[in-house]
Amino acid sequence: MRETDILVVDDEPHIVRALSFIFSKAGYDIETARNGEEAEAKCREIAPKVVFLDLIMPKMDGFHLCRQLKSANGSRSPHIIILTCMGQEIDRENCMKAGADEFMTKPFSPREVLERVHQLLASDRG
């Protein structure tokens, strides 16, 4: 199994392209997935450190995938950042209950997503 920095999971191609560009430009190794099932399979292959995850996707929604990734990998699970258009407080609460580490809404600030990734990866190093 190889390790990668970031897995971007979203069914909207423009979001995937934008995040991939931002993270690649910052020097991160990026993989992408278009739905929850594809993301689950990729996580077994690549062991991402951070997963950017949309909530509303075909085949498996983000809530379900988040719970699965956190329960299957225990303390070695990736950091999960939910990136969604659902911005109500109840949405944030449900994401945190599902195991998400961060919650961000679309549209997003490129600077802010990079800062969050830097912070999470720095916390891994101690």
C-alpha atoms as a PDB file:
ATOM      1  CA  MET A   1       0.000   0.000   0.000  1.00  0.00           C
ATOM      2  CA  ARG A   2       1.378   3.375  -0.938  1.00  0.00           C
ATOM      3  CA  GLU A   3       0.686   6.535   1.007  1.00  0.00           C
ATOM      4  CA  THR A   4      -0.589   9.774  -0.474  1.00  0.00           C
ATOM      5  CA  ASP A   5      -1.180  13.172   1.064  1.00  0.00           C
ATOM      6  CA  ILE A   6      -4.729  14.026   0.015  1.00  0.00           C
ATOM      7  CA  LEU A   7      -7.746  12.264  -1.481  1.00  0.00           C
ATOM      8  CA  VAL A   8     -10.369  14.623  -2.928  1.00  0.00           C
ATOM      9  CA  VAL A   9     -13.832  13.013  -3.085  1.00  0.00           C
ATOM     10  CA  ASP A  10     -16.531  14.949  -4.919  1.00  0.00           C
ATOM     11  CA  ASP A  11     -18.910  14.271  -7.806  1.00  0.00           C
ATOM     12  CA  GLU A  12     -18.567  17.848  -9.101  1.00  0.00           C
ATOM     13  CA  PRO A  13     -15.660  17.906 -11.608  1.00  0.00           C
ATOM     14  CA  HIS A  14     -14.956  21.625 -11.153  1.00  0.00           C
ATOM     15  CA  ILE A  15     -14.504  21.163  -7.378  1.00  0.00           C
ATOM     16  CA  VAL A  16     -12.144  18.221  -7.952  1.00  0.00           C
ATOM     17  CA  ARG A  17     -10.128  20.223 -10.497  1.00  0.00           C
ATOM     18  CA  ALA A  18      -9.946  23.302  -8.271  1.00  0.00           C
ATOM     19  CA  LEU A  19      -8.805  21.405  -5.176  1.00  0.00           C
ATOM     20  CA  SER A  20      -6.375  19.264  -7.170  1.00  0.00           C
ATOM     21  CA  PHE A  21      -4.810  22.408  -8.634  1.00  0.00           C
ATOM     22  CA  ILE A  22      -4.528  24.133  -5.238  1.00  0.00           C
ATOM     23  CA  PHE A  23      -2.934  21.148  -3.520  1.00  0.00           C
ATOM     24  CA  SER A  24      -0.669  20.140  -6.411  1.00  0.00           C
ATOM     25  CA  LYS A  25       0.637  23.701  -6.657  1.00  0.00           C
ATOM     26  CA  ALA A  26       1.436  23.537  -2.911  1.00  0.00           C
ATOM     27  CA  GLY A  27       3.439  20.336  -3.480  1.00  0.00           C
ATOM     28  CA  TYR A  28       1.006  17.735  -2.160  1.00  0.00           C
ATOM     29  CA  ASP A  29       0.468  14.295  -3.721  1.00  0.00           C
ATOM     30  CA  ILE A  30      -3.206  14.149  -4.781  1.00  0.00           C
ATOM     31  CA  GLU A  31      -5.654  11.410  -5.729  1.00  0.00           C
ATOM     32  CA  THR A  32      -9.324  11.887  -6.616  1.00  0.00           C
ATOM     33  CA  ALA A  33     -12.561   9.919  -6.492  1.00  0.00           C
ATOM     34  CA  ARG A  34     -16.014  10.739  -7.892  1.00  0.00           C
ATOM     35  CA  ASN A  35     -18.171   8.898  -5.357  1.00  0.00           C
ATOM     36  CA  GLY A  36     -18.073   7.171  -1.988  1.00  0.00           C
ATOM     37  CA  GLU A  37     -17.562   3.648  -3.321  1.00  0.00           C
ATOM     38  CA  GLU A  38     -14.597   4.696  -5.461  1.00  0.00           C
ATOM     39  CA  ALA A  39     -13.154   6.626  -2.506  1.00  0.00           C
ATOM     40  CA  GLU A  40     -13.493   3.649  -0.176  1.00  0.00           C
ATOM     41  CA  ALA A  41     -11.579   1.440  -2.623  1.00  0.00           C
ATOM     42  CA  LYS A  42      -8.876   4.078  -3.126  1.00  0.00           C
ATOM     43  CA  CYS A  43      -8.417   4.507   0.621  1.00  0.00           C
ATOM     44  CA  ARG A  44      -7.533   0.817   0.859  1.00  0.00           C
ATOM     45  CA  GLU A  45      -4.940   1.284  -1.922  1.00  0.00           C
ATOM     46  CA  ILE A  46      -3.320   4.609  -1.059  1.00  0.00           C
ATOM     47  CA  ALA A  47      -3.765   5.342   2.673  1.00  0.00           C
ATOM     48  CA  PRO A  48      -4.396   9.097   2.345  1.00  0.00           C
ATOM     49  CA  LYS A  49      -3.396  11.356   5.217  1.00  0.00           C
ATOM     50  CA  VAL A  50      -6.295  13.767   4.531  1.00  0.00           C
ATOM     51  CA  VAL A  51      -9.626  13.160   2.792  1.00  0.00           C
ATOM     52  CA  PHE A  52     -11.664  16.092   1.461  1.00  0.00           C
ATOM     53  CA  LEU A  53     -15.179  14.689   1.356  1.00  0.00           C
ATOM     54  CA  ASP A  54     -18.430  15.957  -0.115  1.00  0.00           C
ATOM     55  CA  LEU A  55     -21.629  14.811   1.609  1.00  0.00           C
ATOM     56  CA  ILE A  56     -24.045  14.458  -1.292  1.00  0.00           C
ATOM     57  CA  MET A  57     -22.662  11.957  -3.799  1.00  0.00           C
ATOM     58  CA  PRO A  58     -23.889   8.972  -5.781  1.00  0.00           C
ATOM     59  CA  LYS A  59     -23.348   5.356  -4.664  1.00  0.00           C
ATOM     60  CA  MET A  60     -22.358   6.211  -1.065  1.00  0.00           C
ATOM     61  CA  ASP A  61     -22.872   9.520   0.707  1.00  0.00           C
ATOM     62  CA  GLY A  62     -20.189  11.326   2.661  1.00  0.00           C
ATOM     63  CA  PHE A  63     -21.712  10.600   6.086  1.00  0.00           C
ATOM     64  CA  HIS A  64     -21.574   6.853   5.456  1.00  0.00           C
ATOM     65  CA  LEU A  65     -18.046   6.967   4.034  1.00  0.00           C
ATOM     66  CA  CYS A  66     -16.793   9.114   6.918  1.00  0.00           C
ATOM     67  CA  ARG A  67     -18.151   6.641   9.485  1.00  0.00           C
ATOM     68  CA  GLN A  68     -16.657   3.722   7.570  1.00  0.00           C
ATOM     69  CA  LEU A  69     -13.199   5.270   7.241  1.00  0.00           C
ATOM     70  CA  LYS A  70     -13.076   6.217  10.907  1.00  0.00           C
ATOM     71  CA  SER A  71     -14.293   2.841  12.190  1.00  0.00           C
ATOM     72  CA  ALA A  72     -12.248   0.700   9.789  1.00  0.00           C
ATOM     73  CA  ASN A  73      -8.934   2.420  10.429  1.00  0.00           C
ATOM     74  CA  GLY A  74      -9.176   3.345  14.119  1.00  0.00           C
ATOM     75  CA  SER A  75      -6.353   5.592  15.267  1.00  0.00           C
ATOM     76  CA  ARG A  76      -4.704   5.304  11.830  1.00  0.00           C
ATOM     77  CA  SER A  77      -7.717   6.759  10.035  1.00  0.00           C
ATOM     78  CA  PRO A  78      -7.182   9.740   7.747  1.00  0.00           C
ATOM     79  CA  HIS A  79      -8.097  13.256   8.759  1.00  0.00           C
ATOM     80  CA  ILE A  80     -11.486  13.938   7.185  1.00  0.00           C
ATOM     81  CA  ILE A  81     -12.479  17.412   6.085  1.00  0.00           C
ATOM     82  CA  ILE A  82     -16.092  17.672   5.003  1.00  0.00           C
ATOM     83  CA  LEU A  83     -16.493  20.177   2.178  1.00  0.00           C
ATOM     84  CA  THR A  84     -20.162  20.684   1.398  1.00  0.00           C
ATOM     85  CA  CYS A  85     -22.835  23.137   0.323  1.00  0.00           C
ATOM     86  CA  MET A  86     -24.876  22.077   3.384  1.00  0.00           C
ATOM     87  CA  GLY A  87     -24.043  24.827   5.850  1.00  0.00           C
ATOM     88  CA  GLN A  88     -26.555  24.540   8.679  1.00  0.00           C
ATOM     89  CA  GLU A  89     -25.376  23.957  12.252  1.00  0.00           C
ATOM     90  CA  ILE A  90     -27.171  20.597  12.307  1.00  0.00           C
ATOM     91  CA  ASP A  91     -25.100  19.562   9.259  1.00  0.00           C
ATOM     92  CA  ARG A  92     -21.899  20.450  11.098  1.00  0.00           C
ATOM     93  CA  GLU A  93     -23.045  18.524  14.185  1.00  0.00           C
ATOM     94  CA  ASN A  94     -23.940  15.448  12.131  1.00  0.00           C
ATOM     95  CA  CYS A  95     -20.557  15.510  10.397  1.00  0.00           C
ATOM     96  CA  MET A  96     -18.690  15.696  13.678  1.00  0.00           C
ATOM     97  CA  LYS A  97     -20.797  12.825  15.067  1.00  0.00           C
ATOM     98  CA  ALA A  98     -19.847  10.804  11.974  1.00  0.00           C
ATOM     99  CA  GLY A  99     -16.176  11.358  12.829  1.00  0.00           C
ATOM    100  CA  ALA A 100     -15.149  14.322  10.675  1.00  0.00           C
ATOM    101  CA  ASP A 101     -12.160  16.350  11.842  1.00  0.00           C
ATOM    102  CA  GLU A 102     -13.169  19.562  10.078  1.00  0.00           C
ATOM    103  CA  PHE A 103     -16.254  21.044   8.400  1.00  0.00           C
ATOM    104  CA  MET A 104     -16.058  23.600   5.597  1.00  0.00           C
ATOM    105  CA  THR A 105     -18.694  24.981   3.274  1.00  0.00           C
ATOM    106  CA  LYS A 106     -18.688  25.677  -0.454  1.00  0.00           C
ATOM    107  CA  PRO A 107     -17.728  28.054  -1.887  1.00  0.00           C
ATOM    108  CA  PHE A 108     -14.354  27.747  -0.191  1.00  0.00           C
ATOM    109  CA  SER A 109     -11.266  29.902   0.124  1.00  0.00           C
ATOM    110  CA  PRO A 110      -8.153  28.298  -1.431  1.00  0.00           C
ATOM    111  CA  ARG A 111      -6.035  29.857   1.309  1.00  0.00           C
ATOM    112  CA  GLU A 112      -8.301  28.426   4.017  1.00  0.00           C
ATOM    113  CA  VAL A 113      -8.290  24.856   2.643  1.00  0.00           C
ATOM    114  CA  LEU A 114      -4.488  24.955   2.413  1.00  0.00           C
ATOM    115  CA  GLU A 115      -4.208  26.258   5.981  1.00  0.00           C
ATOM    116  CA  ARG A 116      -6.432  23.457   7.285  1.00  0.00           C
ATOM    117  CA  VAL A 117      -4.364  20.805   5.514  1.00  0.00           C
ATOM    118  CA  HIS A 118      -1.108  22.317   6.803  1.00  0.00           C
ATOM    119  CA  GLN A 119      -2.497  22.352  10.370  1.00  0.00           C
ATOM    120  CA  LEU A 120      -3.734  18.758  10.268  1.00  0.00           C
ATOM    121  CA  LEU A 121      -0.530  17.376   8.769  1.00  0.00           C
ATOM    122  CA  ALA A 122       1.594  19.406  11.214  1.00  0.00           C
ATOM    123  CA  SER A 123      -0.369  17.898  14.111  1.00  0.00           C
ATOM    124  CA  ASP A 124       0.674  14.426  12.876  1.00  0.00           C
ATOM    125  CA  ARG A 125       4.334  15.363  13.128  1.00  0.00           C
ATOM    126  CA  GLY A 126       3.943  16.432  16.732  1.00  0.00           C
END
